Amino acid sequence: MKFPREKREARTVAQPPPEAAQRVDGGGAWGPTQFDLPDGNGSNSQAILIVSLIGIVILLIIAGLWALAYFQFT
């Protein structure tokens, strides 16, 4: 048994507030975003550098603690 499809008109579910048209930076139409968006040119080298440096420091700390424990208990 087949039923005919109902036709519905497309409508906007939610609209940004009227003052959103004047906002230039600091977020989208709904207000400031929680995170900084990447650069428009797609470059995120600063974030990669920071994460890499933090990872290297953590690895050095782990290696130092391992060496300390190794020489203390042998």
PDB file of N, CA and C in Angstrom:
ATOM      1  N   MET A   1       0.850  -1.171   0.000  1.00  0.00           N
ATOM      2  CA  MET A   1       0.000   0.000   0.000  1.00  0.00           C
ATOM      3  C   MET A   1       0.900   1.240   0.000  1.00  0.00           C
ATOM      4  N   LYS A   2       0.709   2.109  -0.946  1.00  0.00           N
ATOM      5  CA  LYS A   2       1.533   3.311  -1.058  1.00  0.00           C
ATOM      6  C   LYS A   2       0.691   4.536  -0.779  1.00  0.00           C
ATOM      7  N   PHE A   3       1.302   5.413   0.018  1.00  0.00           N
ATOM      8  CA  PHE A   3       0.645   6.676   0.320  1.00  0.00           C
ATOM      9  C   PHE A   3       1.344   7.788  -0.448  1.00  0.00           C
ATOM     10  N   PRO A   4       0.608   8.777  -0.890  1.00  0.00           N
ATOM     11  CA  PRO A   4       1.266   9.889  -1.601  1.00  0.00           C
ATOM     12  C   PRO A   4       2.090  10.734  -0.619  1.00  0.00           C
ATOM     13  N   ARG A   5       3.206  11.233  -1.113  1.00  0.00           N
ATOM     14  CA  ARG A   5       4.074  12.064  -0.270  1.00  0.00           C
ATOM     15  C   ARG A   5       3.423  13.405  -0.011  1.00  0.00           C
ATOM     16  N   GLU A   6       3.540  13.841   1.227  1.00  0.00           N
ATOM     17  CA  GLU A   6       3.012  15.161   1.559  1.00  0.00           C
ATOM     18  C   GLU A   6       3.992  16.225   1.119  1.00  0.00           C
ATOM     19  N   LYS A   7       3.501  17.273   0.536  1.00  0.00           N
ATOM     20  CA  LYS A   7       4.343  18.396   0.129  1.00  0.00           C
ATOM     21  C   LYS A   7       4.285  19.448   1.222  1.00  0.00           C
ATOM     22  N   ARG A   8       5.493  19.822   1.694  1.00  0.00           N
ATOM     23  CA  ARG A   8       5.568  20.859   2.717  1.00  0.00           C
ATOM     24  C   ARG A   8       6.464  21.971   2.215  1.00  0.00           C
ATOM     25  N   GLU A   9       6.122  23.170   2.569  1.00  0.00           N
ATOM     26  CA  GLU A   9       6.953  24.307   2.167  1.00  0.00           C
ATOM     27  C   GLU A   9       8.168  24.397   3.089  1.00  0.00           C
ATOM     28  N   ALA A  10       9.293  24.769   2.507  1.00  0.00           N
ATOM     29  CA  ALA A  10      10.515  24.929   3.288  1.00  0.00           C
ATOM     30  C   ALA A  10      10.412  26.205   4.108  1.00  0.00           C
ATOM     31  N   ARG A  11      10.825  26.120   5.360  1.00  0.00           N
ATOM     32  CA  ARG A  11      10.798  27.294   6.217  1.00  0.00           C
ATOM     33  C   ARG A  11      12.001  27.263   7.148  1.00  0.00           C
ATOM     34  N   THR A  12      12.385  28.432   7.618  1.00  0.00           N
ATOM     35  CA  THR A  12      13.522  28.541   8.511  1.00  0.00           C
ATOM     36  C   THR A  12      13.099  28.115   9.903  1.00  0.00           C
ATOM     37  N   VAL A  13      13.880  27.220  10.496  1.00  0.00           N
ATOM     38  CA  VAL A  13      13.530  26.710  11.816  1.00  0.00           C
ATOM     39  C   VAL A  13      13.908  27.729  12.885  1.00  0.00           C
ATOM     40  N   ALA A  14      15.103  28.285  12.778  1.00  0.00           N
ATOM     41  CA  ALA A  14      15.552  29.278  13.750  1.00  0.00           C
ATOM     42  C   ALA A  14      16.305  30.368  13.012  1.00  0.00           C
ATOM     43  N   GLN A  15      16.150  31.571  13.445  1.00  0.00           N
ATOM     44  CA  GLN A  15      16.842  32.696  12.824  1.00  0.00           C
ATOM     45  C   GLN A  15      17.745  33.359  13.847  1.00  0.00           C
ATOM     46  N   PRO A  16      18.914  33.838  13.396  1.00  0.00           N
ATOM     47  CA  PRO A  16      19.767  34.578  14.323  1.00  0.00           C
ATOM     48  C   PRO A  16      19.096  35.874  14.740  1.00  0.00           C
ATOM     49  N   PRO A  17      19.504  36.412  15.870  1.00  0.00           N
ATOM     50  CA  PRO A  17      18.899  37.665  16.304  1.00  0.00           C
ATOM     51  C   PRO A  17      19.204  38.796  15.332  1.00  0.00           C
ATOM     52  N   PRO A  18      18.374  39.831  15.297  1.00  0.00           N
ATOM     53  CA  PRO A  18      18.566  40.912  14.328  1.00  0.00           C
ATOM     54  C   PRO A  18      19.897  41.649  14.491  1.00  0.00           C
ATOM     55  N   GLU A  19      20.411  41.725  15.717  1.00  0.00           N
ATOM     56  CA  GLU A  19      21.669  42.449  15.915  1.00  0.00           C
ATOM     57  C   GLU A  19      22.867  41.673  15.387  1.00  0.00           C
ATOM     58  N   ALA A  20      22.670  40.438  14.951  1.00  0.00           N
ATOM     59  CA  ALA A  20      23.775  39.637  14.448  1.00  0.00           C
ATOM     60  C   ALA A  20      24.332  40.182  13.138  1.00  0.00           C
ATOM     61  N   ALA A  21      23.570  40.981  12.419  1.00  0.00           N
ATOM     62  CA  ALA A  21      24.047  41.524  11.148  1.00  0.00           C
ATOM     63  C   ALA A  21      25.199  42.495  11.354  1.00  0.00           C
ATOM     64  N   GLN A  22      25.289  43.139  12.514  1.00  0.00           N
ATOM     65  CA  GLN A  22      26.356  44.104  12.753  1.00  0.00           C
ATOM     66  C   GLN A  22      27.634  43.468  13.279  1.00  0.00           C
ATOM     67  N   ARG A  23      27.590  42.228  13.714  1.00  0.00           N
ATOM     68  CA  ARG A  23      28.775  41.593  14.296  1.00  0.00           C
ATOM     69  C   ARG A  23      29.800  41.289  13.211  1.00  0.00           C
ATOM     70  N   VAL A  24      31.027  41.662  13.463  1.00  0.00           N
ATOM     71  CA  VAL A  24      32.083  41.433  12.482  1.00  0.00           C
ATOM     72  C   VAL A  24      32.987  40.311  12.938  1.00  0.00           C
ATOM     73  N   ASP A  25      33.542  40.409  14.163  1.00  0.00           N
ATOM     74  CA  ASP A  25      34.375  39.331  14.658  1.00  0.00           C
ATOM     75  C   ASP A  25      33.909  38.961  16.049  1.00  0.00           C
ATOM     76  N   GLY A  26      34.536  37.961  16.623  1.00  0.00           N
ATOM     77  CA  GLY A  26      34.138  37.523  17.952  1.00  0.00           C
ATOM     78  C   GLY A  26      33.096  36.440  17.907  1.00  0.00           C
ATOM     79  N   GLY A  27      32.939  35.792  16.786  1.00  0.00           N
ATOM     80  CA  GLY A  27      32.017  34.674  16.732  1.00  0.00           C
ATOM     81  C   GLY A  27      31.057  34.784  15.574  1.00  0.00           C
ATOM     82  N   GLY A  28      30.152  33.851  15.547  1.00  0.00           N
ATOM     83  CA  GLY A  28      29.182  33.800  14.469  1.00  0.00           C
ATOM     84  C   GLY A  28      27.943  34.609  14.794  1.00  0.00           C
ATOM     85  N   ALA A  29      26.898  34.280  14.113  1.00  0.00           N
ATOM     86  CA  ALA A  29      25.653  35.027  14.293  1.00  0.00           C
ATOM     87  C   ALA A  29      25.045  34.823  15.671  1.00  0.00           C
ATOM     88  N   TRP A  30      25.390  33.711  16.324  1.00  0.00           N
ATOM     89  CA  TRP A  30      24.801  33.415  17.628  1.00  0.00           C
ATOM     90  C   TRP A  30      25.645  33.913  18.786  1.00  0.00           C
ATOM     91  N   GLY A  31      26.789  34.522  18.498  1.00  0.00           N
ATOM     92  CA  GLY A  31      27.618  35.045  19.573  1.00  0.00           C
ATOM     93  C   GLY A  31      29.029  34.513  19.474  1.00  0.00           C
ATOM     94  N   PRO A  32      29.841  34.796  20.480  1.00  0.00           N
ATOM     95  CA  PRO A  32      31.234  34.369  20.425  1.00  0.00           C
ATOM     96  C   PRO A  32      31.363  32.858  20.434  1.00  0.00           C
ATOM     97  N   THR A  33      32.363  32.372  19.740  1.00  0.00           N
ATOM     98  CA  THR A  33      32.592  30.935  19.725  1.00  0.00           C
ATOM     99  C   THR A  33      33.469  30.553  20.906  1.00  0.00           C
ATOM    100  N   GLN A  34      33.417  29.284  21.296  1.00  0.00           N
ATOM    101  CA  GLN A  34      34.188  28.819  22.439  1.00  0.00           C
ATOM    102  C   GLN A  34      35.665  28.686  22.087  1.00  0.00           C
ATOM    103  N   PHE A  35      35.952  28.332  20.833  1.00  0.00           N
ATOM    104  CA  PHE A  35      37.330  28.094  20.414  1.00  0.00           C
ATOM    105  C   PHE A  35      37.698  29.072  19.307  1.00  0.00           C
ATOM    106  N   ASP A  36      38.967  29.372  19.199  1.00  0.00           N
ATOM    107  CA  ASP A  36      39.448  30.183  18.090  1.00  0.00           C
ATOM    108  C   ASP A  36      39.410  29.346  16.824  1.00  0.00           C
ATOM    109  N   LEU A  37      38.907  29.921  15.772  1.00  0.00           N
ATOM    110  CA  LEU A  37      38.860  29.214  14.505  1.00  0.00           C
ATOM    111  C   LEU A  37      40.211  29.311  13.828  1.00  0.00           C
ATOM    112  N   PRO A  38      40.563  28.346  12.966  1.00  0.00           N
ATOM    113  CA  PRO A  38      41.854  28.426  12.285  1.00  0.00           C
ATOM    114  C   PRO A  38      41.913  29.625  11.347  1.00  0.00           C
ATOM    115  N   ASP A  39      43.114  29.976  10.945  1.00  0.00           N
ATOM    116  CA  ASP A  39      43.295  31.095  10.029  1.00  0.00           C
ATOM    117  C   ASP A  39      42.543  30.835   8.736  1.00  0.00           C
ATOM    118  N   GLY A  40      42.181  31.915   8.082  1.00  0.00           N
ATOM    119  CA  GLY A  40      41.453  31.784   6.829  1.00  0.00           C
ATOM    120  C   GLY A  40      42.256  31.110   5.740  1.00  0.00           C
ATOM    121  N   ASN A  41      43.579  31.243   5.794  1.00  0.00           N
ATOM    122  CA  ASN A  41      44.404  30.619   4.757  1.00  0.00           C
ATOM    123  C   ASN A  41      44.716  29.162   5.073  1.00  0.00           C
ATOM    124  N   GLY A  42      44.189  28.641   6.167  1.00  0.00           N
ATOM    125  CA  GLY A  42      44.367  27.233   6.498  1.00  0.00           C
ATOM    126  C   GLY A  42      45.659  26.928   7.230  1.00  0.00           C
ATOM    127  N   SER A  43      46.402  27.931   7.620  1.00  0.00           N
ATOM    128  CA  SER A  43      47.673  27.698   8.297  1.00  0.00           C
ATOM    129  C   SER A  43      47.434  27.594   9.801  1.00  0.00           C
ATOM    130  N   ASN A  44      47.835  26.481  10.358  1.00  0.00           N
ATOM    131  CA  ASN A  44      47.739  26.311  11.808  1.00  0.00           C
ATOM    132  C   ASN A  44      49.086  25.850  12.348  1.00  0.00           C
ATOM    133  N   SER A  45      50.158  26.400  11.807  1.00  0.00           N
ATOM    134  CA  SER A  45      51.505  25.972  12.187  1.00  0.00           C
ATOM    135  C   SER A  45      51.812  26.310  13.637  1.00  0.00           C
ATOM    136  N   GLN A  46      51.248  27.387  14.157  1.00  0.00           N
ATOM    137  CA  GLN A  46      51.512  27.736  15.553  1.00  0.00           C
ATOM    138  C   GLN A  46      50.919  26.679  16.483  1.00  0.00           C
ATOM    139  N   ALA A  47      49.727  26.204  16.193  1.00  0.00           N
ATOM    140  CA  ALA A  47      49.108  25.169  17.026  1.00  0.00           C
ATOM    141  C   ALA A  47      49.899  23.871  16.939  1.00  0.00           C
ATOM    142  N   ILE A  48      50.375  23.535  15.748  1.00  0.00           N
ATOM    143  CA  ILE A  48      51.171  22.315  15.587  1.00  0.00           C
ATOM    144  C   ILE A  48      52.466  22.429  16.380  1.00  0.00           C
ATOM    145  N   LEU A  49      53.103  23.598  16.337  1.00  0.00           N
ATOM    146  CA  LEU A  49      54.351  23.800  17.066  1.00  0.00           C
ATOM    147  C   LEU A  49      54.143  23.671  18.573  1.00  0.00           C
ATOM    148  N   ILE A  50      53.084  24.275  19.092  1.00  0.00           N
ATOM    149  CA  ILE A  50      52.813  24.227  20.531  1.00  0.00           C
ATOM    150  C   ILE A  50      52.546  22.787  20.979  1.00  0.00           C
ATOM    151  N   VAL A  51      51.722  22.072  20.240  1.00  0.00           N
ATOM    152  CA  VAL A  51      51.398  20.688  20.602  1.00  0.00           C
ATOM    153  C   VAL A  51      52.642  19.810  20.518  1.00  0.00           C
ATOM    154  N   SER A  52      53.479  20.041  19.504  1.00  0.00           N
ATOM    155  CA  SER A  52      54.714  19.262  19.372  1.00  0.00           C
ATOM    156  C   SER A  52      55.652  19.516  20.540  1.00  0.00           C
ATOM    157  N   LEU A  53      55.813  20.779  20.915  1.00  0.00           N
ATOM    158  CA  LEU A  53      56.703  21.100  22.035  1.00  0.00           C
ATOM    159  C   LEU A  53      56.204  20.495  23.343  1.00  0.00           C
ATOM    160  N   ILE A  54      54.910  20.557  23.561  1.00  0.00           N
ATOM    161  CA  ILE A  54      54.344  19.957  24.783  1.00  0.00           C
ATOM    162  C   ILE A  54      54.571  18.445  24.775  1.00  0.00           C
ATOM    163  N   GLY A  55      54.392  17.808  23.620  1.00  0.00           N
ATOM    164  CA  GLY A  55      54.613  16.370  23.522  1.00  0.00           C
ATOM    165  C   GLY A  55      56.061  15.993  23.788  1.00  0.00           C
ATOM    166  N   ILE A  56      56.991  16.789  23.258  1.00  0.00           N
ATOM    167  CA  ILE A  56      58.411  16.515  23.488  1.00  0.00           C
ATOM    168  C   ILE A  56      58.756  16.654  24.965  1.00  0.00           C
ATOM    169  N   VAL A  57      58.235  17.689  25.605  1.00  0.00           N
ATOM    170  CA  VAL A  57      58.503  17.888  27.037  1.00  0.00           C
ATOM    171  C   VAL A  57      57.964  16.717  27.849  1.00  0.00           C
ATOM    172  N   ILE A  58      56.767  16.260  27.528  1.00  0.00           N
ATOM    173  CA  ILE A  58      56.172  15.133  28.265  1.00  0.00           C
ATOM    174  C   ILE A  58      57.002  13.865  28.055  1.00  0.00           C
ATOM    175  N   LEU A  59      57.451  13.642  26.820  1.00  0.00           N
ATOM    176  CA  LEU A  59      58.291  12.470  26.570  1.00  0.00           C
ATOM    177  C   LEU A  59      59.612  12.555  27.324  1.00  0.00           C
ATOM    178  N   LEU A  60      60.210  13.729  27.382  1.00  0.00           N
ATOM    179  CA  LEU A  60      61.453  13.890  28.144  1.00  0.00           C
ATOM    180  C   LEU A  60      61.245  13.633  29.634  1.00  0.00           C
ATOM    181  N   ILE A  61      60.132  14.089  30.168  1.00  0.00           N
ATOM    182  CA  ILE A  61      59.831  13.851  31.585  1.00  0.00           C
ATOM    183  C   ILE A  61      59.666  12.350  31.839  1.00  0.00           C
ATOM    184  N   ILE A  62      58.938  11.669  30.953  1.00  0.00           N
ATOM    185  CA  ILE A  62      58.744  10.228  31.122  1.00  0.00           C
ATOM    186  C   ILE A  62      60.086   9.501  31.036  1.00  0.00           C
ATOM    187  N   ALA A  63      60.925   9.887  30.062  1.00  0.00           N
ATOM    188  CA  ALA A  63      62.230   9.237  29.916  1.00  0.00           C
ATOM    189  C   ALA A  63      63.098   9.499  31.144  1.00  0.00           C
ATOM    190  N   GLY A  64      63.053  10.707  31.693  1.00  0.00           N
ATOM    191  CA  GLY A  64      63.820  11.022  32.891  1.00  0.00           C
ATOM    192  C   GLY A  64      63.358  10.230  34.091  1.00  0.00           C
ATOM    193  N   LEU A  65      62.067  10.116  34.264  1.00  0.00           N
ATOM    194  CA  LEU A  65      61.540   9.332  35.383  1.00  0.00           C
ATOM    195  C   LEU A  65      61.880   7.854  35.223  1.00  0.00           C
ATOM    196  N   TRP A  66      61.817   7.357  33.989  1.00  0.00           N
ATOM    197  CA  TRP A  66      62.171   5.961  33.762  1.00  0.00           C
ATOM    198  C   TRP A  66      63.651   5.722  34.083  1.00  0.00           C
ATOM    199  N   ALA A  67      64.515   6.630  33.638  1.00  0.00           N
ATOM    200  CA  ALA A  67      65.949   6.482  33.906  1.00  0.00           C
ATOM    201  C   ALA A  67      66.221   6.565  35.404  1.00  0.00           C
ATOM    202  N   LEU A  68      65.561   7.464  36.091  1.00  0.00           N
ATOM    203  CA  LEU A  68      65.730   7.590  37.540  1.00  0.00           C
ATOM    204  C   LEU A  68      65.312   6.303  38.243  1.00  0.00           C
ATOM    205  N   ALA A  69      64.168   5.775  37.873  1.00  0.00           N
ATOM    206  CA  ALA A  69      63.689   4.535  38.488  1.00  0.00           C
ATOM    207  C   ALA A  69      64.608   3.369  38.133  1.00  0.00           C
ATOM    208  N   TYR A  70      65.109   3.325  36.923  1.00  0.00           N
ATOM    209  CA  TYR A  70      65.986   2.239  36.494  1.00  0.00           C
ATOM    210  C   TYR A  70      67.272   2.219  37.311  1.00  0.00           C
ATOM    211  N   PHE A  71      67.882   3.394  37.477  1.00  0.00           N
ATOM    212  CA  PHE A  71      69.151   3.426  38.205  1.00  0.00           C
ATOM    213  C   PHE A  71      68.962   3.349  39.727  1.00  0.00           C
ATOM    214  N   GLN A  72      67.797   3.691  40.228  1.00  0.00           N
ATOM    215  CA  GLN A  72      67.545   3.578  41.658  1.00  0.00           C
ATOM    216  C   GLN A  72      67.338   2.126  42.075  1.00  0.00           C
ATOM    217  N   PHE A  73      66.673   1.347  41.221  1.00  0.00           N
ATOM    218  CA  PHE A  73      66.284  -0.003  41.611  1.00  0.00           C
ATOM    219  C   PHE A  73      67.176  -1.090  41.023  1.00  0.00           C
ATOM    220  N   THR A  74      68.272  -0.710  40.355  1.00  0.00           N
ATOM    221  CA  THR A  74      69.191  -1.747  39.851  1.00  0.00           C
ATOM    222  C   THR A  74      70.560  -1.591  40.459  1.00  0.00           C
TER     223      THR A  74
END
